[in-house]
């Protein structure tokens, strides 16, 4: 088991919780897959794509539960990023926690991963 991570605006995540599934945020819907990051990639993803944004949620998912719909594909600098081709069933979510901004404007990740 390896956890992979999705950064999501809180209102979008709350809508997914009501629906029982997550179909993706704007960029995911445009690209045709849900973007995830590994533990080693998620801080850079936050800095690059969510800089200064408040009211975010960090969602952790067990990649082993996603089956063949999950593919690790080259992206930034050739690094392999997890992409989910299909909706995320919320039963596969290990946890979802707030991703606040610190005083310096960078996101503060949960201490317990």
PDB file of N, CA and C in Angstrom:
ATOM      1  N   UNK A   1       0.831  -1.181   0.000  1.00  0.00           N
ATOM      2  CA  UNK A   1       0.000   0.000   0.000  1.00  0.00           C
ATOM      3  C   UNK A   1       0.876   1.246   0.000  1.00  0.00           C
ATOM      4  N   UNK A   2       0.520   2.182  -0.835  1.00  0.00           N
ATOM      5  CA  UNK A   2       1.155   3.496  -0.836  1.00  0.00           C
ATOM      6  C   UNK A   2       0.041   4.531  -0.915  1.00  0.00           C
ATOM      7  N   UNK A   3       0.146   5.534  -0.077  1.00  0.00           N
ATOM      8  CA  UNK A   3      -0.843   6.604  -0.156  1.00  0.00           C
ATOM      9  C   UNK A   3      -0.446   7.573  -1.255  1.00  0.00           C
ATOM     10  N   UNK A   4      -1.443   8.013  -1.998  1.00  0.00           N
ATOM     11  CA  UNK A   4      -1.285   9.088  -2.964  1.00  0.00           C
ATOM     12  C   UNK A   4      -2.223  10.206  -2.527  1.00  0.00           C
ATOM     13  N   UNK A   5      -1.966  11.416  -3.024  1.00  0.00           N
ATOM     14  CA  UNK A   5      -2.627  12.589  -2.482  1.00  0.00           C
ATOM     15  C   UNK A   5      -3.257  13.450  -3.562  1.00  0.00           C
ATOM     16  N   UNK A   6      -4.428  13.993  -3.204  1.00  0.00           N
ATOM     17  CA  UNK A   6      -5.144  14.941  -4.056  1.00  0.00           C
ATOM     18  C   UNK A   6      -5.349  16.210  -3.248  1.00  0.00           C
ATOM     19  N   UNK A   7      -5.008  17.340  -3.825  1.00  0.00           N
ATOM     20  CA  UNK A   7      -5.288  18.634  -3.224  1.00  0.00           C
ATOM     21  C   UNK A   7      -6.545  19.165  -3.908  1.00  0.00           C
ATOM     22  N   UNK A   8      -7.500  19.594  -3.107  1.00  0.00           N
ATOM     23  CA  UNK A   8      -8.799  19.947  -3.658  1.00  0.00           C
ATOM     24  C   UNK A   8      -9.398  21.135  -2.895  1.00  0.00           C
ATOM     25  N   UNK A   9     -10.067  22.055  -3.583  1.00  0.00           N
ATOM     26  CA  UNK A   9     -10.792  23.106  -2.863  1.00  0.00           C
ATOM     27  C   UNK A   9     -11.866  22.477  -1.968  1.00  0.00           C
ATOM     28  N   UNK A  10     -11.987  22.981  -0.765  1.00  0.00           N
ATOM     29  CA  UNK A  10     -12.928  22.410   0.198  1.00  0.00           C
ATOM     30  C   UNK A  10     -14.357  22.301  -0.339  1.00  0.00           C
ATOM     31  N   UNK A  11     -14.914  23.337  -0.996  1.00  0.00           N
ATOM     32  CA  UNK A  11     -16.287  23.205  -1.491  1.00  0.00           C
ATOM     33  C   UNK A  11     -16.449  22.076  -2.522  1.00  0.00           C
ATOM     34  N   UNK A  12     -15.433  21.863  -3.344  1.00  0.00           N
ATOM     35  CA  UNK A  12     -15.483  20.778  -4.333  1.00  0.00           C
ATOM     36  C   UNK A  12     -15.456  19.432  -3.616  1.00  0.00           C
ATOM     37  N   UNK A  13     -14.624  19.328  -2.574  1.00  0.00           N
ATOM     38  CA  UNK A  13     -14.541  18.079  -1.832  1.00  0.00           C
ATOM     39  C   UNK A  13     -15.843  17.809  -1.065  1.00  0.00           C
ATOM     40  N   UNK A  14     -16.428  18.847  -0.499  1.00  0.00           N
ATOM     41  CA  UNK A  14     -17.694  18.674   0.214  1.00  0.00           C
ATOM     42  C   UNK A  14     -18.791  18.172  -0.729  1.00  0.00           C
ATOM     43  N   UNK A  15     -18.809  18.669  -1.951  1.00  0.00           N
ATOM     44  CA  UNK A  15     -19.784  18.182  -2.934  1.00  0.00           C
ATOM     45  C   UNK A  15     -19.539  16.708  -3.241  1.00  0.00           C
ATOM     46  N   UNK A  16     -18.277  16.314  -3.321  1.00  0.00           N
ATOM     47  CA  UNK A  16     -17.948  14.904  -3.566  1.00  0.00           C
ATOM     48  C   UNK A  16     -18.410  14.039  -2.397  1.00  0.00           C
ATOM     49  N   UNK A  17     -18.228  14.532  -1.183  1.00  0.00           N
ATOM     50  CA  UNK A  17     -18.667  13.772  -0.014  1.00  0.00           C
ATOM     51  C   UNK A  17     -20.176  13.546  -0.045  1.00  0.00           C
ATOM     52  N   UNK A  18     -20.915  14.541  -0.465  1.00  0.00           N
ATOM     53  CA  UNK A  18     -22.373  14.386  -0.570  1.00  0.00           C
ATOM     54  C   UNK A  18     -22.741  13.379  -1.649  1.00  0.00           C
ATOM     55  N   UNK A  19     -21.979  13.380  -2.738  1.00  0.00           N
ATOM     56  CA  UNK A  19     -22.263  12.487  -3.870  1.00  0.00           C
ATOM     57  C   UNK A  19     -21.731  11.068  -3.645  1.00  0.00           C
ATOM     58  N   UNK A  20     -20.744  10.920  -2.741  1.00  0.00           N
ATOM     59  CA  UNK A  20     -20.139   9.620  -2.499  1.00  0.00           C
ATOM     60  C   UNK A  20     -19.074   9.249  -3.505  1.00  0.00           C
ATOM     61  N   UNK A  21     -18.717  10.189  -4.357  1.00  0.00           N
ATOM     62  CA  UNK A  21     -17.653   9.979  -5.340  1.00  0.00           C
ATOM     63  C   UNK A  21     -17.094  11.321  -5.775  1.00  0.00           C
ATOM     64  N   UNK A  22     -15.854  11.283  -6.246  1.00  0.00           N
ATOM     65  CA  UNK A  22     -15.178  12.481  -6.717  1.00  0.00           C
ATOM     66  C   UNK A  22     -14.852  12.282  -8.189  1.00  0.00           C
ATOM     67  N   UNK A  23     -15.426  13.143  -9.015  1.00  0.00           N
ATOM     68  CA  UNK A  23     -15.194  13.059 -10.454  1.00  0.00           C
ATOM     69  C   UNK A  23     -14.028  13.924 -10.904  1.00  0.00           C
ATOM     70  N   UNK A  24     -13.536  14.773 -10.001  1.00  0.00           N
ATOM     71  CA  UNK A  24     -12.402  15.624 -10.321  1.00  0.00           C
ATOM     72  C   UNK A  24     -12.734  17.090 -10.161  1.00  0.00           C
ATOM     73  N   UNK A  25     -11.683  17.885 -10.075  1.00  0.00           N
ATOM     74  CA  UNK A  25     -11.800  19.340 -10.059  1.00  0.00           C
ATOM     75  C   UNK A  25     -11.603  19.834 -11.492  1.00  0.00           C
ATOM     76  N   UNK A  26     -11.574  21.123 -11.688  1.00  0.00           N
ATOM     77  CA  UNK A  26     -11.503  21.707 -13.022  1.00  0.00           C
ATOM     78  C   UNK A  26     -10.444  21.123 -13.935  1.00  0.00           C
ATOM     79  N   UNK A  27      -9.190  21.091 -13.494  1.00  0.00           N
ATOM     80  CA  UNK A  27      -8.096  20.587 -14.335  1.00  0.00           C
ATOM     81  C   UNK A  27      -8.267  19.105 -14.635  1.00  0.00           C
ATOM     82  N   UNK A  28      -8.795  18.362 -13.662  1.00  0.00           N
ATOM     83  CA  UNK A  28      -9.017  16.930 -13.869  1.00  0.00           C
ATOM     84  C   UNK A  28     -10.050  16.706 -14.962  1.00  0.00           C
ATOM     85  N   UNK A  29     -11.135  17.454 -14.887  1.00  0.00           N
ATOM     86  CA  UNK A  29     -12.206  17.308 -15.874  1.00  0.00           C
ATOM     87  C   UNK A  29     -11.702  17.687 -17.267  1.00  0.00           C
ATOM     88  N   UNK A  30     -10.860  18.718 -17.335  1.00  0.00           N
ATOM     89  CA  UNK A  30     -10.294  19.131 -18.628  1.00  0.00           C
ATOM     90  C   UNK A  30      -9.342  18.089 -19.196  1.00  0.00           C
ATOM     91  N   UNK A  31      -8.530  17.479 -18.328  1.00  0.00           N
ATOM     92  CA  UNK A  31      -7.509  16.534 -18.782  1.00  0.00           C
ATOM     93  C   UNK A  31      -8.033  15.108 -18.963  1.00  0.00           C
ATOM     94  N   UNK A  32      -9.199  14.808 -18.399  1.00  0.00           N
ATOM     95  CA  UNK A  32      -9.772  13.473 -18.576  1.00  0.00           C
ATOM     96  C   UNK A  32      -9.303  12.447 -17.559  1.00  0.00           C
ATOM     97  N   UNK A  33      -8.640  12.902 -16.502  1.00  0.00           N
ATOM     98  CA  UNK A  33      -8.217  12.013 -15.421  1.00  0.00           C
ATOM     99  C   UNK A  33      -8.029  12.846 -14.164  1.00  0.00           C
ATOM    100  N   UNK A  34      -8.048  12.177 -13.008  1.00  0.00           N
ATOM    101  CA  UNK A  34      -7.842  12.863 -11.737  1.00  0.00           C
ATOM    102  C   UNK A  34      -6.350  12.847 -11.414  1.00  0.00           C
ATOM    103  N   UNK A  35      -5.799  14.033 -11.224  1.00  0.00           N
ATOM    104  CA  UNK A  35      -4.387  14.199 -10.892  1.00  0.00           C
ATOM    105  C   UNK A  35      -4.151  13.888  -9.413  1.00  0.00           C
ATOM    106  N   UNK A  36      -3.179  13.066  -9.140  1.00  0.00           N
ATOM    107  CA  UNK A  36      -2.719  12.792  -7.785  1.00  0.00           C
ATOM    108  C   UNK A  36      -1.223  13.054  -7.730  1.00  0.00           C
ATOM    109  N   UNK A  37      -0.697  13.088  -6.517  1.00  0.00           N
ATOM    110  CA  UNK A  37       0.749  13.207  -6.285  1.00  0.00           C
ATOM    111  C   UNK A  37       1.156  12.174  -5.255  1.00  0.00           C
ATOM    112  N   UNK A  38       2.399  11.741  -5.339  1.00  0.00           N
ATOM    113  CA  UNK A  38       2.953  10.878  -4.302  1.00  0.00           C
ATOM    114  C   UNK A  38       3.350  11.756  -3.112  1.00  0.00           C
ATOM    115  N   UNK A  39       3.741  11.129  -2.019  1.00  0.00           N
ATOM    116  CA  UNK A  39       4.191  11.871  -0.840  1.00  0.00           C
ATOM    117  C   UNK A  39       5.393  12.750  -1.167  1.00  0.00           C
ATOM    118  N   UNK A  40       6.259  12.268  -2.041  1.00  0.00           N
ATOM    119  CA  UNK A  40       7.455  13.043  -2.422  1.00  0.00           C
ATOM    120  C   UNK A  40       7.111  14.224  -3.333  1.00  0.00           C
ATOM    121  N   UNK A  41       5.962  14.179  -4.009  1.00  0.00           N
ATOM    122  CA  UNK A  41       5.602  15.187  -4.999  1.00  0.00           C
ATOM    123  C   UNK A  41       4.612  16.228  -4.496  1.00  0.00           C
ATOM    124  N   UNK A  42       3.864  15.915  -3.442  1.00  0.00           N
ATOM    125  CA  UNK A  42       2.703  16.726  -3.099  1.00  0.00           C
ATOM    126  C   UNK A  42       3.042  18.150  -2.651  1.00  0.00           C
ATOM    127  N   UNK A  43       4.146  18.353  -1.953  1.00  0.00           N
ATOM    128  CA  UNK A  43       4.510  19.715  -1.541  1.00  0.00           C
ATOM    129  C   UNK A  43       4.826  20.583  -2.752  1.00  0.00           C
ATOM    130  N   UNK A  44       5.526  20.018  -3.722  1.00  0.00           N
ATOM    131  CA  UNK A  44       5.828  20.766  -4.951  1.00  0.00           C
ATOM    132  C   UNK A  44       4.544  21.048  -5.734  1.00  0.00           C
ATOM    133  N   UNK A  45       3.631  20.087  -5.759  1.00  0.00           N
ATOM    134  CA  UNK A  45       2.341  20.302  -6.422  1.00  0.00           C
ATOM    135  C   UNK A  45       1.601  21.461  -5.764  1.00  0.00           C
ATOM    136  N   UNK A  46       1.589  21.493  -4.445  1.00  0.00           N
ATOM    137  CA  UNK A  46       0.918  22.581  -3.726  1.00  0.00           C
ATOM    138  C   UNK A  46       1.552  23.926  -4.077  1.00  0.00           C
ATOM    139  N   UNK A  47       2.874  23.980  -4.062  1.00  0.00           N
ATOM    140  CA  UNK A  47       3.577  25.231  -4.348  1.00  0.00           C
ATOM    141  C   UNK A  47       3.364  25.687  -5.794  1.00  0.00           C
ATOM    142  N   UNK A  48       3.341  24.749  -6.714  1.00  0.00           N
ATOM    143  CA  UNK A  48       3.245  25.093  -8.134  1.00  0.00           C
ATOM    144  C   UNK A  48       1.818  25.419  -8.581  1.00  0.00           C
ATOM    145  N   UNK A  49       0.858  24.640  -8.114  1.00  0.00           N
ATOM    146  CA  UNK A  49      -0.510  24.766  -8.629  1.00  0.00           C
ATOM    147  C   UNK A  49      -1.510  25.384  -7.655  1.00  0.00           C
ATOM    148  N   UNK A  50      -1.139  25.506  -6.373  1.00  0.00           N
ATOM    149  CA  UNK A  50      -2.079  26.008  -5.369  1.00  0.00           C
ATOM    150  C   UNK A  50      -1.474  27.111  -4.509  1.00  0.00           C
ATOM    151  N   UNK A  51      -0.428  27.760  -4.986  1.00  0.00           N
ATOM    152  CA  UNK A  51       0.266  28.788  -4.210  1.00  0.00           C
ATOM    153  C   UNK A  51      -0.709  29.854  -3.720  1.00  0.00           C
ATOM    154  N   UNK A  52      -0.667  30.104  -2.416  1.00  0.00           N
ATOM    155  CA  UNK A  52      -1.475  31.156  -1.824  1.00  0.00           C
ATOM    156  C   UNK A  52      -2.951  30.835  -1.662  1.00  0.00           C
ATOM    157  N   UNK A  53      -3.379  29.682  -2.118  1.00  0.00           N
ATOM    158  CA  UNK A  53      -4.810  29.343  -2.036  1.00  0.00           C
ATOM    159  C   UNK A  53      -5.165  28.837  -0.646  1.00  0.00           C
ATOM    160  N   UNK A  54      -6.271  29.323  -0.171  1.00  0.00           N
ATOM    161  CA  UNK A  54      -6.808  28.906   1.130  1.00  0.00           C
ATOM    162  C   UNK A  54      -7.967  27.955   0.907  1.00  0.00           C
ATOM    163  N   UNK A  55      -8.449  27.401   1.990  1.00  0.00           N
ATOM    164  CA  UNK A  55      -9.648  26.565   1.990  1.00  0.00           C
ATOM    165  C   UNK A  55      -9.481  25.325   1.113  1.00  0.00           C
ATOM    166  N   UNK A  56      -8.323  24.671   1.284  1.00  0.00           N
ATOM    167  CA  UNK A  56      -8.029  23.448   0.546  1.00  0.00           C
ATOM    168  C   UNK A  56      -8.105  22.231   1.468  1.00  0.00           C
ATOM    169  N   UNK A  57      -8.289  21.078   0.852  1.00  0.00           N
ATOM    170  CA  UNK A  57      -8.309  19.811   1.562  1.00  0.00           C
ATOM    171  C   UNK A  57      -7.240  18.916   0.938  1.00  0.00           C
ATOM    172  N   UNK A  58      -6.515  18.192   1.783  1.00  0.00           N
ATOM    173  CA  UNK A  58      -5.567  17.188   1.325  1.00  0.00           C
ATOM    174  C   UNK A  58      -6.222  15.829   1.538  1.00  0.00           C
ATOM    175  N   UNK A  59      -6.368  15.083   0.457  1.00  0.00           N
ATOM    176  CA  UNK A  59      -7.052  13.796   0.475  1.00  0.00           C
ATOM    177  C   UNK A  59      -6.019  12.698   0.234  1.00  0.00           C
ATOM    178  N   UNK A  60      -6.014  11.693   1.103  1.00  0.00           N
ATOM    179  CA  UNK A  60      -5.096  10.562   0.975  1.00  0.00           C
ATOM    180  C   UNK A  60      -5.876   9.328   0.538  1.00  0.00           C
ATOM    181  N   UNK A  61      -5.321   8.620  -0.449  1.00  0.00           N
ATOM    182  CA  UNK A  61      -5.973   7.450  -1.028  1.00  0.00           C
ATOM    183  C   UNK A  61      -4.956   6.318  -1.133  1.00  0.00           C
ATOM    184  N   UNK A  62      -5.383   5.115  -0.807  1.00  0.00           N
ATOM    185  CA  UNK A  62      -4.541   3.924  -0.954  1.00  0.00           C
ATOM    186  C   UNK A  62      -4.513   3.553  -2.437  1.00  0.00           C
ATOM    187  N   UNK A  63      -3.360   3.684  -3.066  1.00  0.00           N
ATOM    188  CA  UNK A  63      -3.288   3.430  -4.510  1.00  0.00           C
ATOM    189  C   UNK A  63      -3.618   1.988  -4.883  1.00  0.00           C
ATOM    190  N   UNK A  64      -3.405   1.049  -3.988  1.00  0.00           N
ATOM    191  CA  UNK A  64      -3.663  -0.365  -4.283  1.00  0.00           C
ATOM    192  C   UNK A  64      -5.151  -0.646  -4.474  1.00  0.00           C
ATOM    193  N   UNK A  65      -5.997   0.216  -3.952  1.00  0.00           N
ATOM    194  CA  UNK A  65      -7.443   0.004  -4.054  1.00  0.00           C
ATOM    195  C   UNK A  65      -8.027   0.495  -5.380  1.00  0.00           C
ATOM    196  N   UNK A  66      -7.239   1.204  -6.165  1.00  0.00           N
ATOM    197  CA  UNK A  66      -7.775   1.856  -7.355  1.00  0.00           C
ATOM    198  C   UNK A  66      -7.702   0.995  -8.612  1.00  0.00           C
ATOM    199  N   UNK A  67      -7.009  -0.103  -8.555  1.00  0.00           N
ATOM    200  CA  UNK A  67      -6.984  -1.042  -9.667  1.00  0.00           C
ATOM    201  C   UNK A  67      -6.353  -0.485 -10.935  1.00  0.00           C
ATOM    202  N   UNK A  68      -6.810  -1.010 -12.054  1.00  0.00           N
ATOM    203  CA  UNK A  68      -6.226  -0.668 -13.351  1.00  0.00           C
ATOM    204  C   UNK A  68      -6.545   0.739 -13.822  1.00  0.00           C
ATOM    205  N   UNK A  69      -7.492   1.399 -13.171  1.00  0.00           N
ATOM    206  CA  UNK A  69      -7.837   2.771 -13.554  1.00  0.00           C
ATOM    207  C   UNK A  69      -6.730   3.753 -13.159  1.00  0.00           C
ATOM    208  N   UNK A  70      -5.833   3.338 -12.245  1.00  0.00           N
ATOM    209  CA  UNK A  70      -4.725   4.185 -11.821  1.00  0.00           C
ATOM    210  C   UNK A  70      -3.497   3.877 -12.662  1.00  0.00           C
ATOM    211  N   UNK A  71      -2.939   4.917 -13.244  1.00  0.00           N
ATOM    212  CA  UNK A  71      -1.735   4.771 -14.070  1.00  0.00           C
ATOM    213  C   UNK A  71      -0.709   5.790 -13.598  1.00  0.00           C
ATOM    214  N   UNK A  72       0.541   5.349 -13.493  1.00  0.00           N
ATOM    215  CA  UNK A  72       1.646   6.255 -13.180  1.00  0.00           C
ATOM    216  C   UNK A  72       2.250   6.685 -14.514  1.00  0.00           C
ATOM    217  N   UNK A  73       2.168   7.987 -14.791  1.00  0.00           N
ATOM    218  CA  UNK A  73       2.583   8.500 -16.099  1.00  0.00           C
ATOM    219  C   UNK A  73       3.561   9.655 -15.939  1.00  0.00           C
ATOM    220  N   UNK A  74       4.467   9.815 -16.926  1.00  0.00           N
ATOM    221  CA  UNK A  74       5.458  10.896 -16.854  1.00  0.00           C
ATOM    222  C   UNK A  74       4.791  12.270 -16.907  1.00  0.00           C
ATOM    223  N   UNK A  75       5.325  13.165 -16.100  1.00  0.00           N
ATOM    224  CA  UNK A  75       4.853  14.545 -16.089  1.00  0.00           C
ATOM    225  C   UNK A  75       6.055  15.433 -15.836  1.00  0.00           C
ATOM    226  N   UNK A  76       5.976  16.341 -14.848  1.00  0.00           N
ATOM    227  CA  UNK A  76       7.060  17.285 -14.558  1.00  0.00           C
ATOM    228  C   UNK A  76       8.424  16.617 -14.589  1.00  0.00           C
ATOM    229  N   UNK A  77       9.258  17.033 -15.497  1.00  0.00           N
ATOM    230  CA  UNK A  77      10.630  16.546 -15.554  1.00  0.00           C
ATOM    231  C   UNK A  77      10.757  15.042 -15.720  1.00  0.00           C
ATOM    232  N   UNK A  78       9.716  14.409 -16.246  1.00  0.00           N
ATOM    233  CA  UNK A  78       9.754  12.968 -16.467  1.00  0.00           C
ATOM    234  C   UNK A  78       9.362  12.140 -15.260  1.00  0.00           C
ATOM    235  N   UNK A  79       9.077  12.789 -14.117  1.00  0.00           N
ATOM    236  CA  UNK A  79       8.652  12.051 -12.922  1.00  0.00           C
ATOM    237  C   UNK A  79       7.301  11.384 -13.187  1.00  0.00           C
ATOM    238  N   UNK A  80       7.117  10.214 -12.595  1.00  0.00           N
ATOM    239  CA  UNK A  80       5.858   9.487 -12.757  1.00  0.00           C
ATOM    240  C   UNK A  80       4.846   9.966 -11.726  1.00  0.00           C
ATOM    241  N   UNK A  81       3.718  10.453 -12.215  1.00  0.00           N
ATOM    242  CA  UNK A  81       2.644  10.931 -11.359  1.00  0.00           C
ATOM    243  C   UNK A  81       1.449   9.999 -11.480  1.00  0.00           C
ATOM    244  N   UNK A  82       0.734   9.764 -10.374  1.00  0.00           N
ATOM    245  CA  UNK A  82      -0.451   8.914 -10.419  1.00  0.00           C
ATOM    246  C   UNK A  82      -1.647   9.662 -11.015  1.00  0.00           C
ATOM    247  N   UNK A  83      -2.278   9.034 -12.000  1.00  0.00           N
ATOM    248  CA  UNK A  83      -3.466   9.583 -12.653  1.00  0.00           C
ATOM    249  C   UNK A  83      -4.568   8.538 -12.598  1.00  0.00           C
ATOM    250  N   UNK A  84      -5.745   8.946 -12.152  1.00  0.00           N
ATOM    251  CA  UNK A  84      -6.878   8.034 -12.059  1.00  0.00           C
ATOM    252  C   UNK A  84      -7.835   8.297 -13.205  1.00  0.00           C
ATOM    253  N   UNK A  85      -8.017   7.300 -14.035  1.00  0.00           N
ATOM    254  CA  UNK A  85      -8.913   7.387 -15.190  1.00  0.00           C
ATOM    255  C   UNK A  85     -10.279   6.845 -14.793  1.00  0.00           C
ATOM    256  N   UNK A  86     -11.062   7.688 -14.185  1.00  0.00           N
ATOM    257  CA  UNK A  86     -12.390   7.336 -13.721  1.00  0.00           C
ATOM    258  C   UNK A  86     -12.649   8.037 -12.405  1.00  0.00           C
ATOM    259  N   UNK A  87     -13.859   7.921 -11.892  1.00  0.00           N
ATOM    260  CA  UNK A  87     -14.181   8.589 -10.630  1.00  0.00           C
ATOM    261  C   UNK A  87     -13.499   7.910  -9.446  1.00  0.00           C
ATOM    262  N   UNK A  88     -13.304   8.682  -8.393  1.00  0.00           N
ATOM    263  CA  UNK A  88     -12.757   8.163  -7.147  1.00  0.00           C
ATOM    264  C   UNK A  88     -13.920   7.800  -6.235  1.00  0.00           C
ATOM    265  N   UNK A  89     -14.040   6.528  -5.918  1.00  0.00           N
ATOM    266  CA  UNK A  89     -15.027   6.063  -4.950  1.00  0.00           C
ATOM    267  C   UNK A  89     -14.515   6.459  -3.570  1.00  0.00           C
ATOM    268  N   UNK A  90     -15.312   7.192  -2.825  1.00  0.00           N
ATOM    269  CA  UNK A  90     -14.835   7.717  -1.549  1.00  0.00           C
ATOM    270  C   UNK A  90     -14.583   6.636  -0.508  1.00  0.00           C
ATOM    271  N   UNK A  91     -15.011   5.425  -0.752  1.00  0.00           N
ATOM    272  CA  UNK A  91     -14.675   4.325   0.159  1.00  0.00           C
ATOM    273  C   UNK A  91     -13.173   4.045   0.148  1.00  0.00           C
ATOM    274  N   UNK A  92     -12.465   4.514  -0.892  1.00  0.00           N
ATOM    275  CA  UNK A  92     -11.026   4.285  -1.004  1.00  0.00           C
ATOM    276  C   UNK A  92     -10.192   5.393  -0.347  1.00  0.00           C
ATOM    277  N   UNK A  93     -10.858   6.383   0.211  1.00  0.00           N
ATOM    278  CA  UNK A  93     -10.156   7.503   0.848  1.00  0.00           C
ATOM    279  C   UNK A  93      -9.720   7.092   2.255  1.00  0.00           C
ATOM    280  N   UNK A  94      -8.435   7.202   2.517  1.00  0.00           N
ATOM    281  CA  UNK A  94      -7.905   6.885   3.846  1.00  0.00           C
ATOM    282  C   UNK A  94      -8.239   8.003   4.824  1.00  0.00           C
ATOM    283  N   UNK A  95      -8.071   9.245   4.366  1.00  0.00           N
ATOM    284  CA  UNK A  95      -8.431  10.410   5.172  1.00  0.00           C
ATOM    285  C   UNK A  95      -8.439  11.661   4.305  1.00  0.00           C
ATOM    286  N   UNK A  96      -9.123  12.682   4.809  1.00  0.00           N
ATOM    287  CA  UNK A  96      -9.150  14.006   4.183  1.00  0.00           C
ATOM    288  C   UNK A  96      -8.983  15.024   5.305  1.00  0.00           C
ATOM    289  N   UNK A  97      -8.001  15.918   5.153  1.00  0.00           N
ATOM    290  CA  UNK A  97      -7.686  16.886   6.208  1.00  0.00           C
ATOM    291  C   UNK A  97      -7.500  18.271   5.600  1.00  0.00           C
ATOM    292  N   UNK A  98      -7.768  19.299   6.389  1.00  0.00           N
ATOM    293  CA  UNK A  98      -7.522  20.661   5.896  1.00  0.00           C
ATOM    294  C   UNK A  98      -6.048  20.842   5.535  1.00  0.00           C
ATOM    295  N   UNK A  99      -5.808  21.677   4.535  1.00  0.00           N
ATOM    296  CA  UNK A  99      -4.444  22.019   4.118  1.00  0.00           C
ATOM    297  C   UNK A  99      -4.293  23.538   4.235  1.00  0.00           C
ATOM    298  N   UNK A 100      -4.017  24.000   5.462  1.00  0.00           N
ATOM    299  CA  UNK A 100      -3.973  25.453   5.692  1.00  0.00           C
ATOM    300  C   UNK A 100      -2.683  26.094   5.194  1.00  0.00           C
ATOM    301  N   UNK A 101      -2.763  27.412   5.052  1.00  0.00           N
ATOM    302  CA  UNK A 101      -1.579  28.210   4.751  1.00  0.00           C
ATOM    303  C   UNK A 101      -0.918  28.619   6.057  1.00  0.00           C
ATOM    304  N   UNK A 102       0.390  28.581   6.077  1.00  0.00           N
ATOM    305  CA  UNK A 102       1.135  29.060   7.233  1.00  0.00           C
ATOM    306  C   UNK A 102       1.358  30.555   7.119  1.00  0.00           C
ATOM    307  N   UNK A 103       1.955  31.166   8.135  1.00  0.00           N
ATOM    308  CA  UNK A 103       2.213  32.605   8.133  1.00  0.00           C
ATOM    309  C   UNK A 103       3.103  33.050   6.972  1.00  0.00           C
ATOM    310  N   UNK A 104       3.931  32.136   6.481  1.00  0.00           N
ATOM    311  CA  UNK A 104       4.824  32.475   5.364  1.00  0.00           C
ATOM    312  C   UNK A 104       4.158  32.289   3.999  1.00  0.00           C
ATOM    313  N   UNK A 105       2.880  31.869   3.987  1.00  0.00           N
ATOM    314  CA  UNK A 105       2.156  31.715   2.726  1.00  0.00           C
ATOM    315  C   UNK A 105       2.303  30.357   2.076  1.00  0.00           C
ATOM    316  N   UNK A 106       3.023  29.430   2.721  1.00  0.00           N
ATOM    317  CA  UNK A 106       3.118  28.077   2.168  1.00  0.00           C
ATOM    318  C   UNK A 106       2.177  27.163   2.938  1.00  0.00           C
ATOM    319  N   UNK A 107       1.784  26.088   2.298  1.00  0.00           N
ATOM    320  CA  UNK A 107       0.841  25.161   2.923  1.00  0.00           C
ATOM    321  C   UNK A 107       1.506  24.343   4.019  1.00  0.00           C
ATOM    322  N   UNK A 108       0.735  24.065   5.039  1.00  0.00           N
ATOM    323  CA  UNK A 108       1.189  23.269   6.175  1.00  0.00           C
ATOM    324  C   UNK A 108       0.569  21.885   6.080  1.00  0.00           C
ATOM    325  N   UNK A 109       1.402  20.909   5.808  1.00  0.00           N
ATOM    326  CA  UNK A 109       0.924  19.539   5.648  1.00  0.00           C
ATOM    327  C   UNK A 109       0.750  18.887   7.016  1.00  0.00           C
ATOM    328  N   UNK A 110      -0.187  17.940   7.117  1.00  0.00           N
ATOM    329  CA  UNK A 110      -0.416  17.264   8.404  1.00  0.00           C
ATOM    330  C   UNK A 110       0.871  16.604   8.893  1.00  0.00           C
ATOM    331  N   UNK A 111       1.059  16.608  10.195  1.00  0.00           N
ATOM    332  CA  UNK A 111       2.279  16.013  10.743  1.00  0.00           C
ATOM    333  C   UNK A 111       2.241  14.500  10.678  1.00  0.00           C
ATOM    334  N   UNK A 112       1.065  13.923  10.734  1.00  0.00           N
ATOM    335  CA  UNK A 112       0.928  12.458  10.669  1.00  0.00           C
ATOM    336  C   UNK A 112       0.478  12.056   9.278  1.00  0.00           C
ATOM    337  N   UNK A 113       1.358  11.447   8.530  1.00  0.00           N
ATOM    338  CA  UNK A 113       1.014  10.976   7.184  1.00  0.00           C
ATOM    339  C   UNK A 113       0.643   9.545   7.291  1.00  0.00           C
TER     340      UNK A 113
END
